[in-house]
Amino acid sequence: MKETHYPVYLRAREYWNTRFNDFHMPLAYLHGCELLLAYPAADADIVIPAIFLHDVGWKLIPEEEQGRAYGPTMEDESLRRIEDESLRRQHEIDGARIANEILTDVNYDPRKREMIVRIIDGHDSRLESLSEEDSLVKDADKLWRFTLVGVDIHYREFGKPLKEYVPWLSNQIDRWFFTERGKQMAHEALAKVKHAVAEVGHV
């Protein structure tokens, strides 16, 4: 980890003890580092802090309400509710504000701080990408859902059998990911999941 990123990491992790972010954030960081290798023109000084900070806003959303704001129901237009959509949007708004405060406190580059905050404010709800850096953050955020730990957490949380959840997740790849490398990584991770669960006769 770069020395300039470390103060951001230290402050961000104070907000990670909710919504499985203790697992999600380290995985998103590793995925972000791998994506940066594939897209070296992207600015790591924007991508990495944005990954550390993108979900800090969940800390202000009561845990009993968080599950309504993401998952299969939120992806289905016929089942989506306005109040659930507003919860997802609220974590972006709160997250952008908290991120701005943290980045200001650690004297982060003001220009890069502004870009990081813009990425966070819409990282889930915004369907288009603002920049290559935004694309990498969005893809790093989503990739953990395709890992063994992400699948194990979410299929239980959403109450869907693995034999239904894994195919549903596979169908989201082209829609969710902005980079070709991100799509490739998602397919590779999900292939490992399918192999693992097939080996033990789960699906």
N, C-alpha and C. Protein backbone atom coordinates (compact mmCIF):
# COMPACT_ATOMS: atom_id res chain seq x y z
N MET A 1 0.84 -1.19 0.00
CA MET A 1 0.00 0.00 0.00
C MET A 1 0.88 1.24 0.00
N LYS A 2 0.54 2.21 -0.86
CA LYS A 2 1.31 3.44 -0.91
C LYS A 2 1.18 4.23 0.39
N GLU A 3 2.25 4.91 0.74
CA GLU A 3 2.27 5.69 1.98
C GLU A 3 1.15 6.72 2.01
N THR A 4 0.84 7.33 0.87
CA THR A 4 -0.20 8.37 0.83
C THR A 4 -1.61 7.79 0.98
N HIS A 5 -1.76 6.49 0.71
CA HIS A 5 -3.07 5.85 0.84
C HIS A 5 -3.34 5.37 2.27
N TYR A 6 -2.28 5.15 3.01
CA TYR A 6 -2.42 4.52 4.32
C TYR A 6 -3.26 5.35 5.30
N PRO A 7 -3.08 6.67 5.40
CA PRO A 7 -3.95 7.44 6.32
C PRO A 7 -5.43 7.35 5.95
N VAL A 8 -5.72 7.26 4.65
CA VAL A 8 -7.11 7.12 4.21
C VAL A 8 -7.65 5.76 4.66
N TYR A 9 -6.85 4.73 4.47
CA TYR A 9 -7.23 3.39 4.91
C TYR A 9 -7.52 3.36 6.41
N LEU A 10 -6.65 3.96 7.20
CA LEU A 10 -6.83 3.94 8.65
C LEU A 10 -8.13 4.59 9.07
N ARG A 11 -8.46 5.70 8.43
CA ARG A 11 -9.70 6.40 8.78
C ARG A 11 -10.92 5.68 8.22
N ALA A 12 -10.80 5.13 7.04
CA ALA A 12 -11.95 4.47 6.41
C ALA A 12 -12.36 3.22 7.17
N ARG A 13 -11.41 2.45 7.66
CA ARG A 13 -11.75 1.17 8.27
C ARG A 13 -12.57 1.31 9.55
N GLU A 14 -12.61 2.51 10.12
CA GLU A 14 -13.47 2.76 11.28
C GLU A 14 -14.94 2.57 10.93
N TYR A 15 -15.25 2.64 9.64
CA TYR A 15 -16.64 2.55 9.17
C TYR A 15 -16.97 1.19 8.56
N TRP A 16 -16.05 0.24 8.62
CA TRP A 16 -16.22 -1.01 7.90
C TRP A 16 -16.94 -2.10 8.68
N ASN A 17 -17.20 -1.89 9.95
CA ASN A 17 -17.77 -2.98 10.76
C ASN A 17 -19.29 -3.04 10.64
N THR A 18 -19.76 -3.07 9.40
CA THR A 18 -21.18 -3.24 9.10
C THR A 18 -21.30 -3.77 7.67
N ARG A 19 -22.40 -4.44 7.38
CA ARG A 19 -22.70 -4.94 6.02
C ARG A 19 -21.55 -5.77 5.45
N PHE A 20 -20.88 -6.56 6.27
CA PHE A 20 -19.80 -7.45 5.84
C PHE A 20 -18.64 -6.70 5.19
N ASN A 21 -18.50 -5.42 5.49
CA ASN A 21 -17.44 -4.64 4.86
C ASN A 21 -16.05 -5.04 5.34
N ASP A 22 -15.95 -5.70 6.49
CA ASP A 22 -14.65 -6.22 6.93
C ASP A 22 -14.11 -7.25 5.94
N PHE A 23 -15.01 -7.94 5.22
CA PHE A 23 -14.61 -8.86 4.15
C PHE A 23 -14.55 -8.13 2.80
N HIS A 24 -15.58 -7.35 2.56
CA HIS A 24 -15.74 -6.72 1.25
C HIS A 24 -14.59 -5.79 0.91
N MET A 25 -14.19 -4.93 1.84
CA MET A 25 -13.19 -3.91 1.52
C MET A 25 -11.81 -4.47 1.19
N PRO A 26 -11.27 -5.41 1.99
CA PRO A 26 -9.97 -5.97 1.59
C PRO A 26 -10.01 -6.66 0.23
N LEU A 27 -11.12 -7.36 -0.06
CA LEU A 27 -11.24 -8.00 -1.37
C LEU A 27 -11.35 -6.96 -2.49
N ALA A 28 -12.14 -5.91 -2.25
CA ALA A 28 -12.27 -4.86 -3.26
C ALA A 28 -10.92 -4.19 -3.52
N TYR A 29 -10.14 -4.01 -2.45
CA TYR A 29 -8.80 -3.42 -2.60
C TYR A 29 -7.93 -4.30 -3.49
N LEU A 30 -7.90 -5.60 -3.22
CA LEU A 30 -7.09 -6.51 -4.02
C LEU A 30 -7.56 -6.54 -5.47
N HIS A 31 -8.88 -6.53 -5.67
CA HIS A 31 -9.41 -6.50 -7.03
C HIS A 31 -9.04 -5.19 -7.72
N GLY A 32 -9.10 -4.10 -6.98
CA GLY A 32 -8.73 -2.81 -7.55
C GLY A 32 -7.27 -2.79 -7.98
N CYS A 33 -6.40 -3.36 -7.17
CA CYS A 33 -4.97 -3.43 -7.53
C CYS A 33 -4.77 -4.24 -8.79
N GLU A 34 -5.50 -5.35 -8.94
CA GLU A 34 -5.38 -6.17 -10.14
C GLU A 34 -5.91 -5.45 -11.37
N LEU A 35 -7.01 -4.74 -11.21
CA LEU A 35 -7.55 -3.97 -12.32
C LEU A 35 -6.61 -2.86 -12.76
N LEU A 36 -5.93 -2.24 -11.79
CA LEU A 36 -4.98 -1.18 -12.12
C LEU A 36 -3.81 -1.70 -12.95
N LEU A 37 -3.43 -2.96 -12.73
CA LEU A 37 -2.38 -3.55 -13.55
C LEU A 37 -2.82 -3.68 -15.01
N ALA A 38 -4.11 -3.93 -15.20
CA ALA A 38 -4.65 -4.08 -16.56
C ALA A 38 -4.90 -2.72 -17.22
N TYR A 39 -5.07 -1.69 -16.41
CA TYR A 39 -5.37 -0.35 -16.93
C TYR A 39 -4.41 0.65 -16.28
N PRO A 40 -3.13 0.61 -16.66
CA PRO A 40 -2.11 1.43 -15.99
C PRO A 40 -2.27 2.93 -16.16
N ALA A 41 -3.07 3.36 -17.14
CA ALA A 41 -3.27 4.80 -17.32
C ALA A 41 -4.20 5.39 -16.24
N ALA A 42 -4.96 4.54 -15.57
CA ALA A 42 -5.85 5.01 -14.50
C ALA A 42 -5.02 5.48 -13.31
N ASP A 43 -5.54 6.46 -12.61
CA ASP A 43 -4.83 7.06 -11.48
C ASP A 43 -5.12 6.28 -10.20
N ALA A 44 -4.13 5.54 -9.72
CA ALA A 44 -4.30 4.76 -8.50
C ALA A 44 -4.57 5.64 -7.29
N ASP A 45 -4.12 6.89 -7.34
CA ASP A 45 -4.35 7.80 -6.22
C ASP A 45 -5.80 8.27 -6.13
N ILE A 46 -6.57 7.94 -7.14
CA ILE A 46 -8.02 8.15 -7.10
C ILE A 46 -8.72 6.82 -6.83
N VAL A 47 -8.31 5.79 -7.52
CA VAL A 47 -9.00 4.50 -7.45
C VAL A 47 -8.92 3.89 -6.05
N ILE A 48 -7.72 3.81 -5.48
CA ILE A 48 -7.56 3.10 -4.20
C ILE A 48 -8.27 3.82 -3.06
N PRO A 49 -8.10 5.13 -2.86
CA PRO A 49 -8.87 5.78 -1.80
C PRO A 49 -10.38 5.68 -2.01
N ALA A 50 -10.82 5.74 -3.26
CA ALA A 50 -12.26 5.63 -3.52
C ALA A 50 -12.77 4.24 -3.13
N ILE A 51 -11.95 3.22 -3.36
CA ILE A 51 -12.35 1.87 -2.93
C ILE A 51 -12.44 1.80 -1.41
N PHE A 52 -11.45 2.33 -0.73
CA PHE A 52 -11.47 2.31 0.74
C PHE A 52 -12.70 3.01 1.30
N LEU A 53 -13.15 4.07 0.62
CA LEU A 53 -14.18 4.95 1.17
C LEU A 53 -15.57 4.76 0.59
N HIS A 54 -15.72 3.97 -0.46
CA HIS A 54 -16.97 4.02 -1.21
C HIS A 54 -18.19 3.58 -0.41
N ASP A 55 -18.01 2.72 0.58
CA ASP A 55 -19.17 2.22 1.33
C ASP A 55 -19.22 2.68 2.78
N VAL A 56 -18.47 3.72 3.12
CA VAL A 56 -18.48 4.19 4.52
C VAL A 56 -19.86 4.68 4.94
N GLY A 57 -20.68 5.08 3.97
CA GLY A 57 -22.01 5.59 4.29
C GLY A 57 -22.95 4.55 4.88
N TRP A 58 -22.66 3.25 4.65
CA TRP A 58 -23.52 2.21 5.23
C TRP A 58 -23.51 2.25 6.75
N LYS A 59 -22.47 2.80 7.32
CA LYS A 59 -22.37 2.86 8.77
C LYS A 59 -23.52 3.65 9.38
N LEU A 60 -24.10 4.57 8.62
CA LEU A 60 -25.18 5.40 9.13
C LEU A 60 -26.56 4.84 8.84
N ILE A 61 -26.63 3.73 8.10
CA ILE A 61 -27.90 3.09 7.79
C ILE A 61 -28.11 1.94 8.78
N PRO A 62 -29.22 1.89 9.50
CA PRO A 62 -29.45 0.79 10.44
C PRO A 62 -29.30 -0.57 9.76
N GLU A 63 -28.62 -1.48 10.43
CA GLU A 63 -28.32 -2.77 9.82
C GLU A 63 -29.57 -3.55 9.44
N GLU A 64 -30.65 -3.39 10.20
CA GLU A 64 -31.87 -4.13 9.88
C GLU A 64 -32.53 -3.62 8.59
N GLU A 65 -32.09 -2.46 8.10
CA GLU A 65 -32.66 -1.90 6.87
C GLU A 65 -31.74 -2.09 5.66
N GLN A 66 -30.49 -2.38 5.89
CA GLN A 66 -29.51 -2.39 4.81
C GLN A 66 -29.83 -3.40 3.72
N GLY A 67 -30.28 -4.60 4.11
CA GLY A 67 -30.51 -5.67 3.13
C GLY A 67 -31.56 -5.35 2.09
N ARG A 68 -32.42 -4.36 2.37
CA ARG A 68 -33.44 -3.98 1.40
C ARG A 68 -32.87 -3.17 0.25
N ALA A 69 -31.66 -2.67 0.42
CA ALA A 69 -31.13 -1.70 -0.54
C ALA A 69 -30.20 -2.30 -1.59
N TYR A 70 -30.04 -3.62 -1.60
CA TYR A 70 -29.19 -4.26 -2.61
C TYR A 70 -29.63 -5.71 -2.77
N GLY A 71 -29.10 -6.37 -3.78
CA GLY A 71 -29.43 -7.77 -4.01
C GLY A 71 -30.43 -7.97 -5.12
N PRO A 72 -30.91 -9.20 -5.31
CA PRO A 72 -31.81 -9.53 -6.43
C PRO A 72 -33.06 -8.66 -6.50
N THR A 73 -33.63 -8.33 -5.35
CA THR A 73 -34.85 -7.51 -5.38
C THR A 73 -34.59 -6.14 -5.98
N MET A 74 -33.44 -5.54 -5.63
CA MET A 74 -33.10 -4.22 -6.17
C MET A 74 -32.79 -4.28 -7.66
N GLU A 75 -32.44 -5.44 -8.17
CA GLU A 75 -32.13 -5.57 -9.59
C GLU A 75 -33.38 -5.83 -10.43
N ASP A 76 -34.47 -6.17 -9.77
CA ASP A 76 -35.73 -6.48 -10.46
C ASP A 76 -36.64 -5.25 -10.42
N GLU A 77 -36.85 -4.64 -11.57
CA GLU A 77 -37.65 -3.41 -11.64
C GLU A 77 -39.05 -3.61 -11.08
N SER A 78 -39.61 -4.80 -11.25
CA SER A 78 -40.98 -5.05 -10.82
C SER A 78 -41.10 -5.16 -9.30
N LEU A 79 -39.97 -5.44 -8.63
CA LEU A 79 -39.99 -5.62 -7.18
C LEU A 79 -39.39 -4.44 -6.42
N ARG A 80 -38.68 -3.57 -7.13
CA ARG A 80 -37.97 -2.47 -6.49
C ARG A 80 -38.95 -1.47 -5.88
N ARG A 81 -38.63 -0.99 -4.69
CA ARG A 81 -39.49 -0.03 -4.01
C ARG A 81 -38.74 1.29 -3.84
N ILE A 82 -39.49 2.39 -3.86
CA ILE A 82 -38.88 3.72 -3.77
C ILE A 82 -38.10 3.88 -2.47
N GLU A 83 -38.66 3.37 -1.37
CA GLU A 83 -37.98 3.54 -0.08
C GLU A 83 -36.67 2.76 -0.03
N ASP A 84 -36.61 1.62 -0.73
CA ASP A 84 -35.37 0.85 -0.77
C ASP A 84 -34.33 1.56 -1.65
N GLU A 85 -34.80 2.11 -2.75
CA GLU A 85 -33.92 2.88 -3.63
C GLU A 85 -33.33 4.06 -2.87
N SER A 86 -34.13 4.69 -2.03
CA SER A 86 -33.65 5.86 -1.28
C SER A 86 -32.60 5.47 -0.26
N LEU A 87 -32.69 4.26 0.30
CA LEU A 87 -31.66 3.79 1.23
C LEU A 87 -30.33 3.64 0.51
N ARG A 88 -30.36 3.06 -0.67
CA ARG A 88 -29.12 2.90 -1.43
C ARG A 88 -28.53 4.26 -1.78
N ARG A 89 -29.40 5.17 -2.17
CA ARG A 89 -28.91 6.53 -2.51
C ARG A 89 -28.37 7.23 -1.27
N GLN A 90 -29.01 7.02 -0.11
CA GLN A 90 -28.57 7.70 1.10
C GLN A 90 -27.16 7.28 1.50
N HIS A 91 -26.82 6.01 1.32
CA HIS A 91 -25.46 5.59 1.70
C HIS A 91 -24.42 6.23 0.80
N GLU A 92 -24.80 6.54 -0.45
CA GLU A 92 -23.88 7.25 -1.34
C GLU A 92 -23.70 8.70 -0.90
N ILE A 93 -24.79 9.34 -0.55
CA ILE A 93 -24.73 10.75 -0.11
C ILE A 93 -23.92 10.88 1.17
N ASP A 94 -24.25 10.03 2.15
CA ASP A 94 -23.51 10.06 3.41
C ASP A 94 -22.05 9.67 3.19
N GLY A 95 -21.83 8.69 2.33
CA GLY A 95 -20.47 8.25 2.06
C GLY A 95 -19.63 9.33 1.42
N ALA A 96 -20.21 10.06 0.48
CA ALA A 96 -19.49 11.16 -0.16
C ALA A 96 -19.12 12.24 0.85
N ARG A 97 -20.03 12.55 1.74
CA ARG A 97 -19.75 13.57 2.76
C ARG A 97 -18.64 13.11 3.72
N ILE A 98 -18.76 11.86 4.19
CA ILE A 98 -17.74 11.34 5.11
C ILE A 98 -16.38 11.26 4.41
N ALA A 99 -16.38 10.81 3.15
CA ALA A 99 -15.14 10.71 2.40
C ALA A 99 -14.48 12.07 2.25
N ASN A 100 -15.28 13.08 1.95
CA ASN A 100 -14.73 14.43 1.82
C ASN A 100 -14.11 14.90 3.13
N GLU A 101 -14.77 14.61 4.24
CA GLU A 101 -14.24 14.99 5.54
C GLU A 101 -12.91 14.28 5.83
N ILE A 102 -12.87 12.98 5.57
CA ILE A 102 -11.66 12.20 5.83
C ILE A 102 -10.51 12.68 4.95
N LEU A 103 -10.76 12.84 3.67
CA LEU A 103 -9.71 13.26 2.74
C LEU A 103 -9.21 14.67 3.06
N THR A 104 -10.10 15.52 3.52
CA THR A 104 -9.68 16.86 3.94
C THR A 104 -8.82 16.78 5.18
N ASP A 105 -9.22 15.96 6.13
CA ASP A 105 -8.48 15.83 7.39
C ASP A 105 -7.06 15.31 7.18
N VAL A 106 -6.88 14.42 6.19
CA VAL A 106 -5.54 13.85 5.96
C VAL A 106 -4.77 14.64 4.90
N ASN A 107 -5.31 15.80 4.53
CA ASN A 107 -4.64 16.71 3.58
C ASN A 107 -4.37 16.06 2.22
N TYR A 108 -5.40 15.34 1.75
CA TYR A 108 -5.27 14.71 0.44
C TYR A 108 -5.37 15.76 -0.66
N ASP A 109 -4.72 15.49 -1.78
CA ASP A 109 -4.73 16.40 -2.92
C ASP A 109 -6.16 16.87 -3.22
N PRO A 110 -6.43 18.17 -3.17
CA PRO A 110 -7.81 18.67 -3.34
C PRO A 110 -8.45 18.28 -4.66
N ARG A 111 -7.68 18.29 -5.75
CA ARG A 111 -8.26 17.93 -7.04
C ARG A 111 -8.66 16.46 -7.06
N LYS A 112 -7.80 15.61 -6.52
CA LYS A 112 -8.11 14.18 -6.48
C LYS A 112 -9.21 13.90 -5.47
N ARG A 113 -9.22 14.65 -4.39
CA ARG A 113 -10.30 14.50 -3.40
C ARG A 113 -11.64 14.76 -4.06
N GLU A 114 -11.74 15.79 -4.86
CA GLU A 114 -13.00 16.12 -5.53
C GLU A 114 -13.44 14.98 -6.45
N MET A 115 -12.51 14.38 -7.17
CA MET A 115 -12.85 13.30 -8.08
C MET A 115 -13.26 12.05 -7.32
N ILE A 116 -12.60 11.76 -6.22
CA ILE A 116 -12.97 10.60 -5.39
C ILE A 116 -14.38 10.76 -4.85
N VAL A 117 -14.69 11.94 -4.35
CA VAL A 117 -16.01 12.20 -3.79
C VAL A 117 -17.09 12.06 -4.87
N ARG A 118 -16.81 12.54 -6.07
CA ARG A 118 -17.77 12.40 -7.17
C ARG A 118 -18.02 10.94 -7.51
N ILE A 119 -16.98 10.13 -7.48
CA ILE A 119 -17.14 8.70 -7.76
C ILE A 119 -18.02 8.04 -6.71
N ILE A 120 -17.75 8.34 -5.44
CA ILE A 120 -18.51 7.72 -4.35
C ILE A 120 -19.98 8.14 -4.41
N ASP A 121 -20.23 9.37 -4.75
CA ASP A 121 -21.60 9.88 -4.81
C ASP A 121 -22.28 9.41 -6.10
N GLY A 122 -22.64 8.13 -6.12
CA GLY A 122 -23.29 7.55 -7.29
C GLY A 122 -22.66 6.24 -7.72
N HIS A 123 -21.78 5.67 -6.88
CA HIS A 123 -21.06 4.46 -7.31
C HIS A 123 -21.99 3.26 -7.51
N ASP A 124 -23.14 3.24 -6.85
CA ASP A 124 -24.13 2.18 -7.06
C ASP A 124 -25.28 2.62 -7.97
N SER A 125 -25.80 3.80 -7.74
CA SER A 125 -27.02 4.23 -8.44
C SER A 125 -26.75 4.78 -9.84
N ARG A 126 -25.55 5.28 -10.08
CA ARG A 126 -25.23 5.87 -11.38
C ARG A 126 -24.91 4.77 -12.38
N LEU A 127 -25.65 4.69 -13.45
CA LEU A 127 -25.51 3.61 -14.41
C LEU A 127 -24.40 3.83 -15.43
N GLU A 128 -23.93 5.06 -15.56
CA GLU A 128 -22.84 5.34 -16.47
C GLU A 128 -21.56 5.62 -15.67
N SER A 129 -20.44 5.55 -16.33
CA SER A 129 -19.15 5.79 -15.68
C SER A 129 -18.68 7.21 -15.96
N LEU A 130 -18.12 7.85 -14.95
CA LEU A 130 -17.60 9.20 -15.10
C LEU A 130 -16.21 9.22 -15.72
N SER A 131 -15.46 8.14 -15.55
CA SER A 131 -14.06 8.11 -15.96
C SER A 131 -13.55 6.68 -15.89
N GLU A 132 -12.33 6.46 -16.35
CA GLU A 132 -11.74 5.13 -16.23
C GLU A 132 -11.59 4.76 -14.76
N GLU A 133 -11.23 5.74 -13.93
CA GLU A 133 -11.10 5.48 -12.50
C GLU A 133 -12.43 5.04 -11.90
N ASP A 134 -13.50 5.70 -12.30
CA ASP A 134 -14.83 5.33 -11.82
C ASP A 134 -15.17 3.90 -12.24
N SER A 135 -14.84 3.54 -13.48
CA SER A 135 -15.11 2.18 -13.96
C SER A 135 -14.38 1.14 -13.12
N LEU A 136 -13.13 1.42 -12.77
CA LEU A 136 -12.36 0.47 -11.98
C LEU A 136 -12.92 0.33 -10.57
N VAL A 137 -13.35 1.44 -9.99
CA VAL A 137 -13.94 1.39 -8.65
C VAL A 137 -15.24 0.59 -8.69
N LYS A 138 -16.08 0.86 -9.68
CA LYS A 138 -17.34 0.13 -9.80
C LYS A 138 -17.10 -1.37 -9.96
N ASP A 139 -16.11 -1.72 -10.80
CA ASP A 139 -15.84 -3.14 -11.03
C ASP A 139 -15.23 -3.80 -9.80
N ALA A 140 -14.30 -3.11 -9.15
CA ALA A 140 -13.70 -3.67 -7.93
C ALA A 140 -14.75 -3.87 -6.85
N ASP A 141 -15.70 -2.98 -6.77
CA ASP A 141 -16.79 -3.08 -5.80
C ASP A 141 -17.63 -4.33 -6.05
N LYS A 142 -17.96 -4.59 -7.30
CA LYS A 142 -18.85 -5.70 -7.64
C LYS A 142 -18.15 -7.06 -7.57
N LEU A 143 -16.85 -7.10 -7.80
CA LEU A 143 -16.17 -8.39 -7.96
C LEU A 143 -16.24 -9.28 -6.73
N TRP A 144 -16.32 -8.69 -5.55
CA TRP A 144 -16.33 -9.55 -4.37
C TRP A 144 -17.57 -10.43 -4.33
N ARG A 145 -18.64 -10.01 -4.98
CA ARG A 145 -19.86 -10.81 -4.99
C ARG A 145 -19.67 -12.15 -5.69
N PHE A 146 -18.61 -12.25 -6.50
CA PHE A 146 -18.37 -13.45 -7.29
C PHE A 146 -17.35 -14.38 -6.64
N THR A 147 -16.80 -13.98 -5.50
CA THR A 147 -15.85 -14.83 -4.78
C THR A 147 -16.61 -15.84 -3.93
N LEU A 148 -15.91 -16.85 -3.46
CA LEU A 148 -16.53 -17.86 -2.61
C LEU A 148 -17.16 -17.23 -1.37
N VAL A 149 -16.43 -16.31 -0.73
CA VAL A 149 -16.97 -15.71 0.49
C VAL A 149 -18.16 -14.83 0.16
N GLY A 150 -18.10 -14.07 -0.94
CA GLY A 150 -19.21 -13.21 -1.31
C GLY A 150 -20.46 -13.99 -1.64
N VAL A 151 -20.30 -15.07 -2.42
CA VAL A 151 -21.45 -15.91 -2.77
C VAL A 151 -22.04 -16.54 -1.52
N ASP A 152 -21.18 -17.05 -0.64
CA ASP A 152 -21.67 -17.72 0.57
C ASP A 152 -22.47 -16.76 1.45
N ILE A 153 -21.99 -15.54 1.59
CA ILE A 153 -22.70 -14.56 2.40
C ILE A 153 -24.04 -14.18 1.76
N HIS A 154 -24.01 -13.90 0.46
CA HIS A 154 -25.18 -13.31 -0.17
C HIS A 154 -26.30 -14.30 -0.48
N TYR A 155 -25.97 -15.52 -0.85
CA TYR A 155 -27.09 -16.43 -1.14
C TYR A 155 -27.88 -16.72 0.13
N ARG A 156 -27.18 -16.76 1.27
CA ARG A 156 -27.88 -16.94 2.54
C ARG A 156 -28.67 -15.70 2.91
N GLU A 157 -28.03 -14.54 2.74
CA GLU A 157 -28.69 -13.28 3.10
C GLU A 157 -29.95 -13.04 2.28
N PHE A 158 -29.91 -13.38 1.00
CA PHE A 158 -31.04 -13.14 0.12
C PHE A 158 -32.05 -14.28 0.14
N GLY A 159 -31.72 -15.38 0.83
CA GLY A 159 -32.64 -16.49 0.94
C GLY A 159 -32.91 -17.20 -0.36
N LYS A 160 -31.88 -17.25 -1.24
CA LYS A 160 -32.03 -17.95 -2.52
C LYS A 160 -31.13 -19.18 -2.52
N PRO A 161 -31.63 -20.32 -2.97
CA PRO A 161 -30.78 -21.51 -3.06
C PRO A 161 -29.59 -21.26 -3.99
N LEU A 162 -28.47 -21.90 -3.71
CA LEU A 162 -27.29 -21.73 -4.56
C LEU A 162 -27.60 -22.04 -6.02
N LYS A 163 -28.43 -23.06 -6.26
CA LYS A 163 -28.72 -23.45 -7.64
C LYS A 163 -29.49 -22.37 -8.40
N GLU A 164 -30.08 -21.43 -7.66
CA GLU A 164 -30.74 -20.28 -8.29
C GLU A 164 -29.85 -19.05 -8.26
N TYR A 165 -29.15 -18.86 -7.15
CA TYR A 165 -28.38 -17.63 -6.97
C TYR A 165 -27.17 -17.56 -7.92
N VAL A 166 -26.44 -18.67 -8.06
CA VAL A 166 -25.25 -18.65 -8.90
C VAL A 166 -25.58 -18.33 -10.37
N PRO A 167 -26.59 -18.96 -10.99
CA PRO A 167 -26.96 -18.57 -12.36
C PRO A 167 -27.43 -17.12 -12.45
N TRP A 168 -28.18 -16.67 -11.44
CA TRP A 168 -28.63 -15.27 -11.44
C TRP A 168 -27.42 -14.34 -11.44
N LEU A 169 -26.44 -14.65 -10.60
CA LEU A 169 -25.24 -13.82 -10.51
C LEU A 169 -24.49 -13.81 -11.84
N SER A 170 -24.38 -14.96 -12.46
CA SER A 170 -23.70 -15.06 -13.75
C SER A 170 -24.36 -14.16 -14.79
N ASN A 171 -25.68 -14.06 -14.74
CA ASN A 171 -26.41 -13.25 -15.70
C ASN A 171 -26.23 -11.76 -15.51
N GLN A 172 -25.65 -11.34 -14.40
CA GLN A 172 -25.46 -9.92 -14.14
C GLN A 172 -24.14 -9.38 -14.69
N ILE A 173 -23.22 -10.26 -15.08
CA ILE A 173 -21.86 -9.83 -15.40
C ILE A 173 -21.82 -8.78 -16.50
N ASP A 174 -22.44 -9.05 -17.63
CA ASP A 174 -22.38 -8.09 -18.74
C ASP A 174 -23.06 -6.77 -18.38
N ARG A 175 -24.05 -6.82 -17.53
CA ARG A 175 -24.79 -5.61 -17.16
C ARG A 175 -24.06 -4.79 -16.10
N TRP A 176 -23.37 -5.47 -15.19
CA TRP A 176 -22.75 -4.78 -14.06
C TRP A 176 -21.38 -4.19 -14.37
N PHE A 177 -20.59 -4.87 -15.20
CA PHE A 177 -19.18 -4.51 -15.30
C PHE A 177 -18.90 -3.57 -16.47
N PHE A 178 -17.92 -2.69 -16.24
CA PHE A 178 -17.58 -1.65 -17.20
C PHE A 178 -16.32 -1.97 -18.00
N THR A 179 -15.46 -2.83 -17.47
CA THR A 179 -14.21 -3.14 -18.15
C THR A 179 -14.20 -4.61 -18.58
N GLU A 180 -13.45 -4.88 -19.64
CA GLU A 180 -13.34 -6.26 -20.10
C GLU A 180 -12.60 -7.12 -19.08
N ARG A 181 -11.59 -6.54 -18.45
CA ARG A 181 -10.86 -7.30 -17.44
C ARG A 181 -11.75 -7.59 -16.23
N GLY A 182 -12.59 -6.65 -15.86
CA GLY A 182 -13.52 -6.89 -14.77
C GLY A 182 -14.47 -8.04 -15.07
N LYS A 183 -14.98 -8.08 -16.29
CA LYS A 183 -15.87 -9.17 -16.70
C LYS A 183 -15.13 -10.50 -16.66
N GLN A 184 -13.89 -10.49 -17.15
CA GLN A 184 -13.09 -11.71 -17.15
C GLN A 184 -12.85 -12.20 -15.73
N MET A 185 -12.52 -11.28 -14.83
CA MET A 185 -12.27 -11.66 -13.43
C MET A 185 -13.53 -12.21 -12.78
N ALA A 186 -14.68 -11.64 -13.11
CA ALA A 186 -15.94 -12.13 -12.55
C ALA A 186 -16.22 -13.55 -13.02
N HIS A 187 -16.03 -13.80 -14.31
CA HIS A 187 -16.24 -15.15 -14.84
C HIS A 187 -15.28 -16.15 -14.20
N GLU A 188 -14.02 -15.74 -14.03
CA GLU A 188 -13.02 -16.62 -13.44
C GLU A 188 -13.37 -16.94 -11.98
N ALA A 189 -13.78 -15.92 -11.23
CA ALA A 189 -14.12 -16.14 -9.82
C ALA A 189 -15.34 -17.04 -9.69
N LEU A 190 -16.36 -16.80 -10.53
CA LEU A 190 -17.58 -17.59 -10.43
C LEU A 190 -17.33 -19.03 -10.89
N ALA A 191 -16.41 -19.23 -11.81
CA ALA A 191 -16.06 -20.60 -12.23
C ALA A 191 -15.49 -21.38 -11.05
N LYS A 192 -14.70 -20.71 -10.21
CA LYS A 192 -14.15 -21.36 -9.02
C LYS A 192 -15.27 -21.73 -8.04
N VAL A 193 -16.24 -20.84 -7.91
CA VAL A 193 -17.39 -21.12 -7.04
C VAL A 193 -18.15 -22.33 -7.55
N LYS A 194 -18.44 -22.34 -8.84
CA LYS A 194 -19.19 -23.46 -9.43
C LYS A 194 -18.44 -24.77 -9.24
N HIS A 195 -17.14 -24.73 -9.43
CA HIS A 195 -16.34 -25.94 -9.27
C HIS A 195 -16.38 -26.41 -7.82
N ALA A 196 -16.22 -25.48 -6.90
CA ALA A 196 -16.19 -25.83 -5.48
C ALA A 196 -17.50 -26.44 -5.03
N VAL A 197 -18.62 -25.82 -5.37
CA VAL A 197 -19.90 -26.34 -4.91
C VAL A 197 -20.27 -27.64 -5.61
N ALA A 198 -19.82 -27.79 -6.87
CA ALA A 198 -20.08 -29.05 -7.59
C ALA A 198 -19.29 -30.20 -6.96
N GLU A 199 -18.09 -29.90 -6.50
CA GLU A 199 -17.23 -30.93 -5.90
C GLU A 199 -17.86 -31.53 -4.65
N VAL A 200 -18.60 -30.70 -3.91
CA VAL A 200 -19.21 -31.21 -2.68
C VAL A 200 -20.68 -31.54 -2.87
N GLY A 201 -21.12 -31.54 -4.13
CA GLY A 201 -22.49 -31.97 -4.44
C GLY A 201 -23.56 -31.00 -3.99
N HIS A 202 -23.19 -29.70 -3.92
CA HIS A 202 -24.16 -28.71 -3.42
C HIS A 202 -25.15 -28.31 -4.49
N VAL A 203 -24.66 -28.12 -5.72
CA VAL A 203 -25.55 -27.80 -6.85
C VAL A 203 -25.15 -28.64 -8.05
